[in-house]
């Protein structure tokens, strides 16, 4: 085998090796979705900075489609169908059955389903993270763009940026832990808020 053929063979083999190791944006998102969508549940500590709503911080617990978010001003529960939103300053709870579009705007972790339809993906990498961008293929989508920073080792998201209209919202994740969560955590318990006014908007 002459030198040119040997070099060509080596090049093909190296391309095959690197191609096997490289991950596509979809594969990275699938792994991240598996972590966030853990069947027993996850607990996340986050801070949010929004062009529209300002800065807040808190925790969010997730289990499948269910979530419970707690901040200093607002608490939210969603059991897969019904959502309860408690406003501390008004001591009132509104009850709704949100649409998929409304849920996308409320729950930053809906990207685990969002990317599977209606968005095109692109990705760059840094030393420790994958940087994935989702762009809506339909201009009528409520969320037009999502930018994700995903840790290479753990496949956990460390930052989620969403564009709604002209407003950006950035979620920075300080911790994400898998844990076993009871379904009761995702429903409003009136015994915990005995004086709250309940407004049923369903």
N, C-alpha and C. Protein backbone atom coordinates (compact mmCIF):
# COMPACT_ATOMS: atom_id res chain seq x y z
N UNK A 1 0.86 -1.19 0.00
CA UNK A 1 0.00 0.00 0.00
C UNK A 1 0.89 1.24 0.00
N UNK A 2 0.67 2.14 -0.98
CA UNK A 2 1.52 3.32 -1.02
C UNK A 2 1.07 4.33 0.03
N UNK A 3 1.89 5.38 0.22
CA UNK A 3 1.65 6.36 1.27
C UNK A 3 0.32 7.10 1.09
N UNK A 4 -0.04 7.45 -0.14
CA UNK A 4 -1.29 8.19 -0.38
C UNK A 4 -2.51 7.37 0.05
N UNK A 5 -2.48 6.08 -0.31
CA UNK A 5 -3.60 5.21 0.07
C UNK A 5 -3.67 5.03 1.59
N UNK A 6 -2.51 4.93 2.21
CA UNK A 6 -2.46 4.77 3.65
C UNK A 6 -3.03 6.00 4.36
N UNK A 7 -2.62 7.18 3.88
CA UNK A 7 -3.13 8.42 4.46
C UNK A 7 -4.63 8.56 4.25
N UNK A 8 -5.11 8.16 3.07
CA UNK A 8 -6.54 8.23 2.78
C UNK A 8 -7.30 7.28 3.70
N UNK A 9 -6.77 6.08 3.91
CA UNK A 9 -7.41 5.11 4.79
C UNK A 9 -7.46 5.63 6.23
N UNK A 10 -6.36 6.21 6.68
CA UNK A 10 -6.32 6.79 8.03
C UNK A 10 -7.33 7.92 8.18
N UNK A 11 -7.44 8.74 7.15
CA UNK A 11 -8.39 9.86 7.19
C UNK A 11 -9.82 9.35 7.30
N UNK A 12 -10.13 8.29 6.53
CA UNK A 12 -11.48 7.72 6.57
C UNK A 12 -11.77 7.11 7.94
N UNK A 13 -10.77 6.39 8.48
CA UNK A 13 -10.95 5.78 9.79
C UNK A 13 -11.14 6.82 10.88
N UNK A 14 -10.35 7.89 10.83
CA UNK A 14 -10.46 8.95 11.83
C UNK A 14 -11.81 9.66 11.71
N UNK A 15 -12.26 9.85 10.49
CA UNK A 15 -13.57 10.48 10.29
C UNK A 15 -14.67 9.61 10.86
N UNK A 16 -14.50 8.28 10.70
CA UNK A 16 -15.48 7.36 11.25
C UNK A 16 -15.50 7.39 12.76
N UNK A 17 -14.33 7.49 13.38
CA UNK A 17 -14.25 7.55 14.83
C UNK A 17 -14.85 8.83 15.36
N UNK A 18 -14.46 9.95 14.77
CA UNK A 18 -14.97 11.23 15.27
C UNK A 18 -16.45 11.35 15.01
N UNK A 19 -16.92 10.78 13.88
CA UNK A 19 -18.34 10.84 13.59
C UNK A 19 -19.14 10.03 14.58
N UNK A 20 -18.57 8.92 15.06
CA UNK A 20 -19.27 8.10 16.04
C UNK A 20 -19.36 8.78 17.38
N UNK A 21 -18.37 9.61 17.71
CA UNK A 21 -18.35 10.26 19.01
C UNK A 21 -19.17 11.55 19.02
N UNK A 22 -19.25 12.20 17.87
CA UNK A 22 -19.97 13.47 17.81
C UNK A 22 -21.45 13.24 18.04
N UNK A 23 -22.09 14.20 18.69
CA UNK A 23 -23.52 14.11 18.93
C UNK A 23 -24.25 15.20 18.16
N UNK A 24 -25.43 14.85 17.70
CA UNK A 24 -26.26 15.85 17.04
C UNK A 24 -27.03 16.63 18.10
N UNK A 25 -27.60 17.76 17.69
CA UNK A 25 -28.40 18.57 18.62
C UNK A 25 -29.57 17.75 19.16
N UNK A 26 -30.18 16.95 18.30
CA UNK A 26 -31.31 16.13 18.74
C UNK A 26 -30.89 15.10 19.78
N UNK A 27 -29.73 14.48 19.60
CA UNK A 27 -29.25 13.51 20.57
C UNK A 27 -28.94 14.16 21.92
N UNK A 28 -28.36 15.36 21.87
CA UNK A 28 -28.07 16.10 23.10
C UNK A 28 -29.37 16.45 23.82
N UNK A 29 -30.38 16.90 23.06
CA UNK A 29 -31.67 17.26 23.64
C UNK A 29 -32.39 16.03 24.20
N UNK A 30 -32.27 14.90 23.50
CA UNK A 30 -32.90 13.67 23.98
C UNK A 30 -32.32 13.27 25.35
N UNK A 31 -31.01 13.37 25.49
CA UNK A 31 -30.37 13.01 26.76
C UNK A 31 -30.77 13.99 27.86
N UNK A 32 -30.80 15.27 27.51
CA UNK A 32 -31.21 16.29 28.49
C UNK A 32 -32.65 16.08 28.91
N UNK A 33 -33.52 15.77 27.95
CA UNK A 33 -34.93 15.53 28.24
C UNK A 33 -35.11 14.33 29.16
N UNK A 34 -34.26 13.31 28.98
CA UNK A 34 -34.34 12.13 29.84
C UNK A 34 -33.99 12.47 31.28
N UNK A 35 -33.04 13.38 31.48
CA UNK A 35 -32.66 13.81 32.83
C UNK A 35 -33.77 14.64 33.46
N UNK A 36 -34.22 15.66 32.73
CA UNK A 36 -35.25 16.56 33.25
C UNK A 36 -36.58 15.84 33.43
N UNK A 37 -36.85 14.89 32.53
CA UNK A 37 -38.13 14.17 32.57
C UNK A 37 -38.06 12.90 33.40
N UNK A 38 -37.14 12.84 34.36
CA UNK A 38 -37.03 11.66 35.22
C UNK A 38 -38.40 11.27 35.78
N UNK A 39 -38.74 9.99 35.70
CA UNK A 39 -40.09 9.53 36.05
C UNK A 39 -40.46 9.76 37.51
N UNK A 40 -39.46 9.70 38.40
CA UNK A 40 -39.77 9.90 39.82
C UNK A 40 -39.85 11.37 40.19
N UNK A 41 -39.15 12.22 39.43
CA UNK A 41 -39.23 13.66 39.67
C UNK A 41 -37.86 14.31 39.80
N UNK A 42 -37.83 15.63 39.59
CA UNK A 42 -36.61 16.41 39.80
C UNK A 42 -36.97 17.70 40.53
N UNK A 43 -36.01 18.20 41.29
CA UNK A 43 -36.16 19.47 41.98
C UNK A 43 -35.07 20.42 41.49
N UNK A 44 -35.47 21.61 41.08
CA UNK A 44 -34.56 22.56 40.45
C UNK A 44 -34.57 23.89 41.21
N UNK A 45 -33.39 24.42 41.48
CA UNK A 45 -33.28 25.78 42.01
C UNK A 45 -32.88 26.69 40.86
N UNK A 46 -33.56 27.82 40.72
CA UNK A 46 -33.32 28.67 39.54
C UNK A 46 -33.42 30.15 39.89
N UNK A 47 -32.88 30.96 39.01
CA UNK A 47 -33.14 32.40 39.02
C UNK A 47 -33.62 32.77 37.63
N UNK A 48 -34.51 33.75 37.55
CA UNK A 48 -35.08 34.16 36.27
C UNK A 48 -34.89 35.65 36.08
N UNK A 49 -34.49 36.03 34.88
CA UNK A 49 -34.37 37.44 34.52
C UNK A 49 -35.16 37.65 33.24
N UNK A 50 -36.20 38.49 33.31
CA UNK A 50 -37.10 38.66 32.20
C UNK A 50 -37.21 40.13 31.79
N UNK A 51 -37.20 40.38 30.48
CA UNK A 51 -37.41 41.75 29.98
C UNK A 51 -38.76 42.29 30.43
N UNK A 52 -39.72 41.39 30.59
CA UNK A 52 -41.09 41.80 30.91
C UNK A 52 -41.40 41.80 32.40
N UNK A 53 -40.87 40.79 33.13
CA UNK A 53 -41.26 40.61 34.53
C UNK A 53 -40.16 40.91 35.54
N UNK A 54 -38.96 41.20 35.07
CA UNK A 54 -37.87 41.49 36.00
C UNK A 54 -37.21 40.23 36.50
N UNK A 55 -36.58 40.31 37.67
CA UNK A 55 -35.79 39.20 38.20
C UNK A 55 -36.48 38.56 39.41
N UNK A 56 -36.51 37.23 39.43
CA UNK A 56 -37.02 36.48 40.57
C UNK A 56 -36.17 35.21 40.71
N UNK A 57 -36.32 34.54 41.84
CA UNK A 57 -35.64 33.26 42.03
C UNK A 57 -36.57 32.33 42.80
N UNK A 58 -36.28 31.05 42.74
CA UNK A 58 -37.14 30.10 43.45
C UNK A 58 -36.78 28.68 43.11
N UNK A 59 -37.74 27.78 43.30
CA UNK A 59 -37.56 26.36 43.00
C UNK A 59 -38.72 25.88 42.14
N UNK A 60 -38.46 24.84 41.38
CA UNK A 60 -39.52 24.20 40.61
C UNK A 60 -39.32 22.70 40.71
N UNK A 61 -40.42 21.99 40.99
CA UNK A 61 -40.40 20.53 41.03
C UNK A 61 -41.15 20.00 39.82
N UNK A 62 -40.60 18.97 39.19
CA UNK A 62 -41.15 18.44 37.95
C UNK A 62 -41.31 16.94 38.03
N UNK A 63 -42.40 16.48 37.44
CA UNK A 63 -42.64 15.03 37.34
C UNK A 63 -43.53 14.80 36.13
N UNK A 64 -42.92 14.38 35.02
CA UNK A 64 -43.68 14.26 33.79
C UNK A 64 -44.19 15.63 33.36
N UNK A 65 -45.49 15.74 33.11
CA UNK A 65 -46.09 17.02 32.73
C UNK A 65 -46.41 17.89 33.94
N UNK A 66 -46.34 17.33 35.12
CA UNK A 66 -46.70 18.06 36.34
C UNK A 66 -45.55 18.96 36.79
N UNK A 67 -45.91 20.10 37.39
CA UNK A 67 -44.89 20.95 38.00
C UNK A 67 -45.45 21.74 39.17
N UNK A 68 -44.55 22.14 40.04
CA UNK A 68 -44.89 23.02 41.16
C UNK A 68 -43.75 24.02 41.30
N UNK A 69 -44.07 25.30 41.16
CA UNK A 69 -43.06 26.36 41.23
C UNK A 69 -43.32 27.25 42.43
N UNK A 70 -42.25 27.61 43.13
CA UNK A 70 -42.36 28.45 44.32
C UNK A 70 -41.37 29.62 44.22
N UNK A 71 -41.89 30.85 44.35
CA UNK A 71 -41.04 32.03 44.46
C UNK A 71 -41.54 32.85 45.65
N UNK A 72 -40.89 33.96 45.93
CA UNK A 72 -41.31 34.80 47.06
C UNK A 72 -42.70 35.39 46.85
N UNK A 73 -43.09 35.60 45.60
CA UNK A 73 -44.34 36.30 45.30
C UNK A 73 -45.45 35.40 44.77
N UNK A 74 -45.07 34.33 44.08
CA UNK A 74 -46.05 33.49 43.39
C UNK A 74 -45.75 32.01 43.63
N UNK A 75 -46.82 31.23 43.82
CA UNK A 75 -46.71 29.77 43.86
C UNK A 75 -47.65 29.20 42.81
N UNK A 76 -47.19 28.17 42.10
CA UNK A 76 -48.00 27.57 41.04
C UNK A 76 -47.95 26.06 41.15
N UNK A 77 -49.10 25.44 40.88
CA UNK A 77 -49.20 23.99 40.87
C UNK A 77 -49.90 23.58 39.57
N UNK A 78 -49.44 22.51 38.95
CA UNK A 78 -50.08 21.98 37.76
C UNK A 78 -50.03 20.46 37.81
N UNK A 79 -51.21 19.82 37.80
CA UNK A 79 -51.28 18.36 37.96
C UNK A 79 -51.44 17.60 36.65
N UNK A 80 -51.21 18.31 35.54
CA UNK A 80 -51.37 17.69 34.23
C UNK A 80 -52.61 18.17 33.51
N UNK A 81 -53.54 18.78 34.26
CA UNK A 81 -54.77 19.31 33.67
C UNK A 81 -55.10 20.69 34.24
N UNK A 82 -55.12 20.77 35.57
CA UNK A 82 -55.54 22.01 36.25
C UNK A 82 -54.33 22.73 36.83
N UNK A 83 -54.38 24.06 36.70
CA UNK A 83 -53.31 24.90 37.26
C UNK A 83 -53.89 25.82 38.33
N UNK A 84 -53.18 25.91 39.45
CA UNK A 84 -53.53 26.83 40.53
C UNK A 84 -52.39 27.84 40.67
N UNK A 85 -52.73 29.12 40.68
CA UNK A 85 -51.72 30.17 40.81
C UNK A 85 -52.06 31.03 42.02
N UNK A 86 -51.16 31.03 43.00
CA UNK A 86 -51.36 31.78 44.24
C UNK A 86 -50.52 33.04 44.24
N UNK A 87 -51.18 34.20 44.40
CA UNK A 87 -50.50 35.48 44.50
C UNK A 87 -50.46 35.89 45.97
N UNK A 88 -49.26 35.96 46.50
CA UNK A 88 -49.10 36.22 47.92
C UNK A 88 -49.64 37.59 48.33
N UNK A 89 -49.37 38.62 47.51
CA UNK A 89 -49.76 39.98 47.90
C UNK A 89 -51.28 40.16 47.93
N UNK A 90 -52.00 39.37 47.12
CA UNK A 90 -53.46 39.46 47.10
C UNK A 90 -54.13 38.37 47.93
N UNK A 91 -53.34 37.38 48.35
CA UNK A 91 -53.86 36.22 49.07
C UNK A 91 -55.03 35.60 48.32
N UNK A 92 -54.80 35.35 47.01
CA UNK A 92 -55.84 34.75 46.19
C UNK A 92 -55.26 33.70 45.25
N UNK A 93 -56.11 32.74 44.91
CA UNK A 93 -55.71 31.64 44.04
C UNK A 93 -56.61 31.62 42.82
N UNK A 94 -56.03 31.64 41.63
CA UNK A 94 -56.81 31.50 40.40
C UNK A 94 -56.64 30.08 39.89
N UNK A 95 -57.75 29.50 39.41
CA UNK A 95 -57.76 28.12 38.95
C UNK A 95 -58.10 28.11 37.46
N UNK A 96 -57.24 27.50 36.65
CA UNK A 96 -57.45 27.46 35.20
C UNK A 96 -57.09 26.08 34.65
N UNK A 97 -57.54 25.82 33.43
CA UNK A 97 -57.08 24.67 32.65
C UNK A 97 -56.28 25.24 31.47
N UNK A 98 -54.97 25.42 31.62
CA UNK A 98 -54.19 26.11 30.59
C UNK A 98 -54.05 25.32 29.30
N UNK A 99 -53.90 26.07 28.20
CA UNK A 99 -53.64 25.45 26.91
C UNK A 99 -52.16 25.08 26.82
N UNK A 100 -51.80 24.31 25.79
CA UNK A 100 -50.40 23.95 25.59
C UNK A 100 -49.54 25.19 25.40
N UNK A 101 -50.06 26.18 24.65
CA UNK A 101 -49.31 27.40 24.40
C UNK A 101 -49.07 28.17 25.70
N UNK A 102 -50.08 28.21 26.56
CA UNK A 102 -49.92 28.89 27.84
C UNK A 102 -48.91 28.18 28.73
N UNK A 103 -48.92 26.85 28.69
CA UNK A 103 -47.96 26.08 29.49
C UNK A 103 -46.53 26.32 29.02
N UNK A 104 -46.35 26.45 27.72
CA UNK A 104 -45.02 26.71 27.19
C UNK A 104 -44.45 28.01 27.73
N UNK A 105 -45.33 29.00 27.90
CA UNK A 105 -44.89 30.30 28.39
C UNK A 105 -44.62 30.28 29.89
N UNK A 106 -45.28 29.36 30.60
CA UNK A 106 -45.19 29.32 32.06
C UNK A 106 -44.03 28.45 32.54
N UNK A 107 -43.93 27.27 31.95
CA UNK A 107 -42.98 26.27 32.44
C UNK A 107 -41.73 26.24 31.57
N UNK A 108 -40.59 26.72 32.08
CA UNK A 108 -39.37 26.77 31.26
C UNK A 108 -38.87 25.39 30.84
N UNK A 109 -39.35 24.35 31.50
CA UNK A 109 -38.88 23.01 31.18
C UNK A 109 -39.76 22.32 30.16
N UNK A 110 -40.69 23.06 29.57
CA UNK A 110 -41.48 22.48 28.49
C UNK A 110 -40.65 22.26 27.24
N UNK A 111 -39.40 22.77 27.21
CA UNK A 111 -38.55 22.53 26.06
C UNK A 111 -38.30 21.04 25.87
N UNK A 112 -38.51 20.22 26.94
CA UNK A 112 -38.27 18.79 26.80
C UNK A 112 -39.27 18.15 25.85
N UNK A 113 -40.39 18.83 25.60
CA UNK A 113 -41.33 18.38 24.58
C UNK A 113 -41.35 19.32 23.38
N UNK A 114 -40.99 20.58 23.62
CA UNK A 114 -41.08 21.62 22.61
C UNK A 114 -40.26 21.30 21.37
N UNK A 115 -39.05 20.79 21.57
CA UNK A 115 -38.12 20.62 20.45
C UNK A 115 -38.52 19.51 19.49
N UNK A 116 -39.46 18.66 19.90
CA UNK A 116 -39.77 17.48 19.10
C UNK A 116 -40.62 17.78 17.86
N UNK A 117 -41.22 18.97 17.81
CA UNK A 117 -42.06 19.30 16.66
C UNK A 117 -42.15 20.81 16.49
N UNK A 118 -41.95 21.28 15.27
CA UNK A 118 -42.15 22.69 14.96
C UNK A 118 -40.95 23.59 15.17
N UNK A 119 -39.77 22.98 15.42
CA UNK A 119 -38.56 23.77 15.62
C UNK A 119 -37.39 23.12 14.88
N UNK A 120 -36.53 23.94 14.35
CA UNK A 120 -35.29 23.43 13.77
C UNK A 120 -34.16 23.66 14.77
N UNK A 121 -33.19 22.76 14.76
CA UNK A 121 -32.13 22.78 15.77
C UNK A 121 -30.78 23.12 15.14
N UNK A 122 -29.96 23.79 15.92
CA UNK A 122 -28.56 23.98 15.57
C UNK A 122 -27.76 23.92 16.86
N UNK A 123 -26.46 23.66 16.76
CA UNK A 123 -25.68 23.48 17.98
C UNK A 123 -24.22 23.86 17.77
N UNK A 124 -23.65 24.49 18.80
CA UNK A 124 -22.21 24.69 18.88
C UNK A 124 -21.76 24.08 20.21
N UNK A 125 -20.47 23.89 20.35
CA UNK A 125 -19.95 23.32 21.59
C UNK A 125 -18.83 24.17 22.16
N UNK A 126 -18.70 24.13 23.47
CA UNK A 126 -17.57 24.73 24.16
C UNK A 126 -16.87 23.63 24.94
N UNK A 127 -15.91 23.97 25.77
CA UNK A 127 -15.14 22.95 26.48
C UNK A 127 -16.02 22.07 27.36
N UNK A 128 -17.01 22.68 28.03
CA UNK A 128 -17.81 21.94 29.01
C UNK A 128 -19.30 21.84 28.69
N UNK A 129 -19.72 22.47 27.60
CA UNK A 129 -21.17 22.56 27.37
C UNK A 129 -21.53 22.46 25.89
N UNK A 130 -22.78 22.04 25.67
CA UNK A 130 -23.41 22.11 24.36
C UNK A 130 -24.31 23.35 24.36
N UNK A 131 -24.26 24.11 23.28
CA UNK A 131 -25.11 25.29 23.14
C UNK A 131 -26.08 25.03 22.00
N UNK A 132 -27.34 24.75 22.36
CA UNK A 132 -28.34 24.36 21.38
C UNK A 132 -29.33 25.50 21.15
N UNK A 133 -29.62 25.76 19.90
CA UNK A 133 -30.61 26.79 19.56
C UNK A 133 -31.78 26.16 18.82
N UNK A 134 -32.99 26.46 19.29
CA UNK A 134 -34.22 26.02 18.65
C UNK A 134 -34.90 27.23 18.05
N UNK A 135 -35.25 27.15 16.77
CA UNK A 135 -35.92 28.25 16.09
C UNK A 135 -37.23 27.75 15.52
N UNK A 136 -38.33 28.44 15.83
CA UNK A 136 -39.66 28.00 15.39
C UNK A 136 -39.76 28.05 13.87
N UNK A 137 -40.38 27.03 13.29
CA UNK A 137 -40.60 27.00 11.85
C UNK A 137 -41.91 27.69 11.48
N UNK A 138 -42.71 28.06 12.49
CA UNK A 138 -44.00 28.74 12.29
C UNK A 138 -43.95 30.08 13.02
N UNK A 139 -44.18 31.16 12.31
CA UNK A 139 -44.10 32.50 12.90
C UNK A 139 -45.20 32.76 13.93
N UNK A 140 -46.22 31.87 13.97
CA UNK A 140 -47.31 32.04 14.92
C UNK A 140 -47.02 31.39 16.28
N UNK A 141 -45.92 30.67 16.37
CA UNK A 141 -45.55 30.04 17.64
C UNK A 141 -45.34 31.10 18.71
N UNK A 142 -45.86 30.83 19.91
CA UNK A 142 -45.73 31.77 21.01
C UNK A 142 -44.27 31.97 21.40
N UNK A 143 -43.52 30.87 21.41
CA UNK A 143 -42.08 30.94 21.69
C UNK A 143 -41.36 30.77 20.36
N UNK A 144 -40.69 31.81 19.92
CA UNK A 144 -40.04 31.82 18.63
C UNK A 144 -38.62 31.25 18.67
N UNK A 145 -37.99 31.35 19.82
CA UNK A 145 -36.60 30.88 19.90
C UNK A 145 -36.28 30.41 21.32
N UNK A 146 -35.52 29.34 21.41
CA UNK A 146 -35.03 28.84 22.70
C UNK A 146 -33.53 28.59 22.57
N UNK A 147 -32.77 29.10 23.52
CA UNK A 147 -31.33 28.85 23.55
C UNK A 147 -31.00 28.09 24.84
N UNK A 148 -30.35 26.95 24.69
CA UNK A 148 -30.07 26.07 25.82
C UNK A 148 -28.57 25.87 25.99
N UNK A 149 -28.13 25.96 27.23
CA UNK A 149 -26.77 25.56 27.57
C UNK A 149 -26.86 24.29 28.39
N UNK A 150 -26.23 23.22 27.91
CA UNK A 150 -26.38 21.90 28.52
C UNK A 150 -25.00 21.35 28.88
N UNK A 151 -24.84 20.97 30.13
CA UNK A 151 -23.57 20.44 30.61
C UNK A 151 -23.23 19.13 29.91
N UNK A 152 -22.00 19.02 29.42
CA UNK A 152 -21.61 17.84 28.66
C UNK A 152 -21.60 16.57 29.51
N UNK A 153 -21.12 16.66 30.73
CA UNK A 153 -20.96 15.46 31.56
C UNK A 153 -22.29 14.93 32.09
N UNK A 154 -23.12 15.84 32.60
CA UNK A 154 -24.35 15.42 33.27
C UNK A 154 -25.60 15.47 32.39
N UNK A 155 -25.50 16.14 31.22
CA UNK A 155 -26.65 16.36 30.32
C UNK A 155 -27.75 17.20 30.97
N UNK A 156 -27.41 17.95 32.02
CA UNK A 156 -28.39 18.83 32.65
C UNK A 156 -28.31 20.23 32.06
N UNK A 157 -29.45 20.91 31.95
CA UNK A 157 -29.42 22.29 31.45
C UNK A 157 -28.92 23.23 32.54
N UNK A 158 -28.07 24.16 32.16
CA UNK A 158 -27.60 25.16 33.11
C UNK A 158 -28.19 26.54 32.83
N UNK A 159 -28.69 26.71 31.60
CA UNK A 159 -29.35 27.98 31.26
C UNK A 159 -30.36 27.73 30.15
N UNK A 160 -31.53 28.37 30.28
CA UNK A 160 -32.58 28.29 29.27
C UNK A 160 -33.03 29.72 28.95
N UNK A 161 -32.90 30.12 27.69
CA UNK A 161 -33.34 31.45 27.26
C UNK A 161 -34.46 31.29 26.25
N UNK A 162 -35.57 32.03 26.46
CA UNK A 162 -36.72 31.92 25.58
C UNK A 162 -37.12 33.29 25.06
N UNK A 163 -37.45 33.37 23.78
CA UNK A 163 -37.90 34.60 23.16
C UNK A 163 -39.39 34.50 22.88
N UNK A 164 -40.18 35.38 23.52
CA UNK A 164 -41.62 35.47 23.29
C UNK A 164 -41.92 36.89 22.83
N UNK A 165 -42.37 37.01 21.59
CA UNK A 165 -42.54 38.35 21.03
C UNK A 165 -41.17 39.01 20.91
N UNK A 166 -41.01 40.14 21.59
CA UNK A 166 -39.72 40.83 21.60
C UNK A 166 -39.02 40.69 22.95
N UNK A 167 -39.60 39.88 23.82
CA UNK A 167 -39.08 39.78 25.19
C UNK A 167 -38.32 38.48 25.42
N UNK A 168 -37.12 38.63 25.98
CA UNK A 168 -36.31 37.48 26.36
C UNK A 168 -36.49 37.17 27.84
N UNK A 169 -36.55 35.89 28.15
CA UNK A 169 -36.56 35.43 29.54
C UNK A 169 -35.42 34.42 29.69
N UNK A 170 -34.59 34.62 30.72
CA UNK A 170 -33.45 33.75 30.95
C UNK A 170 -33.59 33.05 32.29
N UNK A 171 -33.54 31.73 32.27
CA UNK A 171 -33.55 30.91 33.49
C UNK A 171 -32.15 30.35 33.70
N UNK A 172 -31.57 30.65 34.85
CA UNK A 172 -30.26 30.11 35.21
C UNK A 172 -30.46 29.07 36.29
N UNK A 173 -29.97 27.87 36.05
CA UNK A 173 -30.20 26.75 36.97
C UNK A 173 -28.97 26.57 37.86
N UNK A 174 -29.16 26.71 39.16
CA UNK A 174 -28.04 26.55 40.09
C UNK A 174 -27.91 25.12 40.59
N UNK A 175 -29.02 24.35 40.60
CA UNK A 175 -28.94 22.95 40.97
C UNK A 175 -30.12 22.19 40.38
N UNK A 176 -29.90 20.91 40.09
CA UNK A 176 -30.95 20.03 39.59
C UNK A 176 -30.71 18.66 40.21
N UNK A 177 -31.70 18.19 40.99
CA UNK A 177 -31.56 16.92 41.70
C UNK A 177 -32.73 16.01 41.36
N UNK A 178 -32.43 14.76 41.07
CA UNK A 178 -33.50 13.78 40.91
C UNK A 178 -33.97 13.34 42.30
N UNK A 179 -35.26 13.20 42.46
CA UNK A 179 -35.83 12.83 43.76
C UNK A 179 -37.20 12.21 43.54
N UNK A 180 -37.71 11.54 44.56
CA UNK A 180 -39.03 10.92 44.45
C UNK A 180 -40.08 11.90 44.96
N UNK A 181 -40.99 12.29 44.08
CA UNK A 181 -42.00 13.30 44.40
C UNK A 181 -43.40 12.70 44.39
N UNK A 182 -44.19 13.04 45.40
CA UNK A 182 -45.58 12.59 45.47
C UNK A 182 -46.45 13.42 44.53
N UNK A 183 -47.46 12.80 43.93
CA UNK A 183 -48.38 13.52 43.05
C UNK A 183 -49.13 14.62 43.79
N UNK A 184 -49.28 14.49 45.11
CA UNK A 184 -50.00 15.51 45.89
C UNK A 184 -49.30 16.86 45.87
N UNK A 185 -48.00 16.86 45.61
CA UNK A 185 -47.24 18.10 45.58
C UNK A 185 -47.65 19.01 44.43
N UNK A 186 -48.32 18.45 43.44
CA UNK A 186 -48.66 19.21 42.24
C UNK A 186 -50.11 19.69 42.22
N UNK A 187 -50.74 19.61 43.39
CA UNK A 187 -52.10 20.13 43.53
C UNK A 187 -52.16 21.12 44.68
N UNK A 188 -52.93 22.17 44.50
CA UNK A 188 -53.13 23.17 45.54
C UNK A 188 -53.88 22.56 46.72
N UNK A 189 -53.36 22.79 47.92
CA UNK A 189 -54.01 22.30 49.14
C UNK A 189 -54.60 23.49 49.89
N UNK A 190 -55.93 23.65 49.89
CA UNK A 190 -56.55 24.82 50.54
C UNK A 190 -56.27 24.90 52.04
N UNK A 191 -55.94 23.77 52.66
CA UNK A 191 -55.64 23.80 54.10
C UNK A 191 -54.38 24.61 54.41
N UNK A 192 -53.50 24.71 53.41
CA UNK A 192 -52.27 25.47 53.61
C UNK A 192 -52.49 26.98 53.45
N UNK A 193 -53.62 27.35 52.85
CA UNK A 193 -53.93 28.77 52.60
C UNK A 193 -55.39 29.02 52.99
N UNK A 194 -55.72 28.90 54.27
CA UNK A 194 -57.12 28.93 54.70
C UNK A 194 -57.84 30.25 54.44
N UNK A 195 -57.09 31.36 54.35
CA UNK A 195 -57.72 32.66 54.15
C UNK A 195 -57.76 33.09 52.68
N UNK A 196 -57.15 32.32 51.81
CA UNK A 196 -57.03 32.72 50.40
C UNK A 196 -58.38 32.66 49.69
N UNK A 197 -58.62 33.66 48.85
CA UNK A 197 -59.81 33.66 47.99
C UNK A 197 -59.51 32.82 46.74
N UNK A 198 -60.41 31.89 46.43
CA UNK A 198 -60.23 31.03 45.26
C UNK A 198 -61.11 31.53 44.13
N UNK A 199 -60.48 31.83 43.01
CA UNK A 199 -61.19 32.34 41.83
C UNK A 199 -61.10 31.29 40.73
N UNK A 200 -62.22 30.65 40.43
CA UNK A 200 -62.24 29.57 39.45
C UNK A 200 -62.51 30.15 38.06
N UNK A 201 -61.51 30.09 37.17
CA UNK A 201 -61.62 30.67 35.83
C UNK A 201 -61.77 29.60 34.75
N UNK A 202 -62.07 28.38 35.15
CA UNK A 202 -62.21 27.29 34.16
C UNK A 202 -63.54 27.41 33.42
